[in-house]
């Protein structure tokens, strides 16, 4: 039997309430800016792609795995 009390207490301590005012304040931060965005399908693992993209960069990098075991990189 697992007692969830500790986990629930931790979850409650970390919860945040976001009001409509927070949304409007964050909207300016999330608006598109003068950034180049690229979407590239490659035949490598998500981890390998992330490591490759991080080499020589100082800005944030995001990777998304949309492949399956039968159609790598979505290629049929």
C-alpha atoms as a PDB file:
ATOM      1  CA  UNK A   1       0.000   0.000   0.000  1.00  0.00           C
ATOM      2  CA  UNK A   2       1.335   3.422  -0.959  1.00  0.00           C
ATOM      3  CA  UNK A   3       0.468   6.462   1.118  1.00  0.00           C
ATOM      4  CA  UNK A   4      -0.085   9.391  -1.272  1.00  0.00           C
ATOM      5  CA  UNK A   5      -0.118  12.012   1.514  1.00  0.00           C
ATOM      6  CA  UNK A   6       3.473  13.170   0.973  1.00  0.00           C
ATOM      7  CA  UNK A   7       2.986  13.417  -2.780  1.00  0.00           C
ATOM      8  CA  UNK A   8      -0.316  15.280  -2.454  1.00  0.00           C
ATOM      9  CA  UNK A   9       1.176  17.736   0.036  1.00  0.00           C
ATOM     10  CA  UNK A  10       4.036  18.430  -2.360  1.00  0.00           C
ATOM     11  CA  UNK A  11       1.624  18.910  -5.260  1.00  0.00           C
ATOM     12  CA  UNK A  12      -0.512  21.332  -3.281  1.00  0.00           C
ATOM     13  CA  UNK A  13       2.555  23.342  -2.227  1.00  0.00           C
ATOM     14  CA  UNK A  14       3.624  23.707  -5.855  1.00  0.00           C
ATOM     15  CA  UNK A  15       0.284  24.649  -7.356  1.00  0.00           C
ATOM     16  CA  UNK A  16      -0.209  28.036  -8.989  1.00  0.00           C
ATOM     17  CA  UNK A  17      -3.325  30.006  -9.834  1.00  0.00           C
ATOM     18  CA  UNK A  18      -3.206  31.798 -13.169  1.00  0.00           C
ATOM     19  CA  UNK A  19      -5.824  34.508 -13.555  1.00  0.00           C
ATOM     20  CA  UNK A  20      -6.895  36.310 -16.748  1.00  0.00           C
ATOM     21  CA  UNK A  21      -4.559  39.155 -15.722  1.00  0.00           C
ATOM     22  CA  UNK A  22      -1.633  36.714 -15.792  1.00  0.00           C
ATOM     23  CA  UNK A  23      -2.670  35.595 -19.271  1.00  0.00           C
ATOM     24  CA  UNK A  24      -2.700  39.148 -20.603  1.00  0.00           C
ATOM     25  CA  UNK A  25       0.687  39.903 -19.017  1.00  0.00           C
ATOM     26  CA  UNK A  26       2.224  36.737 -20.473  1.00  0.00           C
ATOM     27  CA  UNK A  27       0.720  37.288 -23.918  1.00  0.00           C
ATOM     28  CA  UNK A  28       3.304  39.966 -24.731  1.00  0.00           C
ATOM     29  CA  UNK A  29       6.107  37.603 -23.727  1.00  0.00           C
ATOM     30  CA  UNK A  30       4.712  34.817 -25.912  1.00  0.00           C
ATOM     31  CA  UNK A  31       4.045  36.882 -29.006  1.00  0.00           C
ATOM     32  CA  UNK A  32       6.060  35.965 -32.088  1.00  0.00           C
ATOM     33  CA  UNK A  33       9.254  37.917 -32.400  1.00  0.00           C
ATOM     34  CA  UNK A  34      12.047  38.315 -34.909  1.00  0.00           C
ATOM     35  CA  UNK A  35      13.058  34.664 -34.734  1.00  0.00           C
ATOM     36  CA  UNK A  36      13.758  32.140 -37.447  1.00  0.00           C
ATOM     37  CA  UNK A  37      11.821  28.927 -36.994  1.00  0.00           C
ATOM     38  CA  UNK A  38      12.705  25.715 -38.789  1.00  0.00           C
ATOM     39  CA  UNK A  39      10.906  22.386 -38.974  1.00  0.00           C
ATOM     40  CA  UNK A  40      13.147  19.572 -40.162  1.00  0.00           C
ATOM     41  CA  UNK A  41      12.415  15.851 -40.356  1.00  0.00           C
ATOM     42  CA  UNK A  42      15.538  13.745 -39.831  1.00  0.00           C
ATOM     43  CA  UNK A  43      16.290  10.070 -39.451  1.00  0.00           C
ATOM     44  CA  UNK A  44      17.858  10.200 -36.006  1.00  0.00           C
ATOM     45  CA  UNK A  45      16.651   9.781 -32.466  1.00  0.00           C
ATOM     46  CA  UNK A  46      15.064  12.726 -30.712  1.00  0.00           C
ATOM     47  CA  UNK A  47      17.943  12.780 -28.225  1.00  0.00           C
ATOM     48  CA  UNK A  48      20.552  12.784 -31.016  1.00  0.00           C
ATOM     49  CA  UNK A  49      18.743  15.623 -32.809  1.00  0.00           C
ATOM     50  CA  UNK A  50      18.573  17.655 -29.598  1.00  0.00           C
ATOM     51  CA  UNK A  51      22.273  17.160 -28.937  1.00  0.00           C
ATOM     52  CA  UNK A  52      23.121  18.122 -32.521  1.00  0.00           C
ATOM     53  CA  UNK A  53      21.011  21.285 -32.321  1.00  0.00           C
ATOM     54  CA  UNK A  54      22.600  22.299 -29.012  1.00  0.00           C
ATOM     55  CA  UNK A  55      26.149  22.182 -30.366  1.00  0.00           C
ATOM     56  CA  UNK A  56      27.416  25.715 -30.701  1.00  0.00           C
ATOM     57  CA  UNK A  57      24.141  27.359 -29.663  1.00  0.00           C
ATOM     58  CA  UNK A  58      23.343  29.433 -26.643  1.00  0.00           C
ATOM     59  CA  UNK A  59      19.591  29.878 -27.172  1.00  0.00           C
ATOM     60  CA  UNK A  60      16.771  27.477 -26.379  1.00  0.00           C
ATOM     61  CA  UNK A  61      16.227  24.391 -28.518  1.00  0.00           C
ATOM     62  CA  UNK A  62      13.093  22.237 -28.719  1.00  0.00           C
ATOM     63  CA  UNK A  63      12.675  18.804 -30.262  1.00  0.00           C
ATOM     64  CA  UNK A  64       9.480  16.860 -30.883  1.00  0.00           C
ATOM     65  CA  UNK A  65       9.243  13.153 -31.597  1.00  0.00           C
ATOM     66  CA  UNK A  66       6.331  12.546 -33.967  1.00  0.00           C
ATOM     67  CA  UNK A  67       7.620   9.296 -35.423  1.00  0.00           C
ATOM     68  CA  UNK A  68       6.436   5.783 -34.814  1.00  0.00           C
ATOM     69  CA  UNK A  69       8.213   2.439 -34.844  1.00  0.00           C
ATOM     70  CA  UNK A  70       6.777   1.615 -38.264  1.00  0.00           C
ATOM     71  CA  UNK A  71       7.155   5.006 -39.980  1.00  0.00           C
ATOM     72  CA  UNK A  72      10.304   6.784 -38.757  1.00  0.00           C
ATOM     73  CA  UNK A  73      10.119  10.568 -39.207  1.00  0.00           C
ATOM     74  CA  UNK A  74       6.614  10.091 -40.574  1.00  0.00           C
ATOM     75  CA  UNK A  75       7.950   8.821 -43.912  1.00  0.00           C
ATOM     76  CA  UNK A  76       5.726   6.168 -45.477  1.00  0.00           C
END
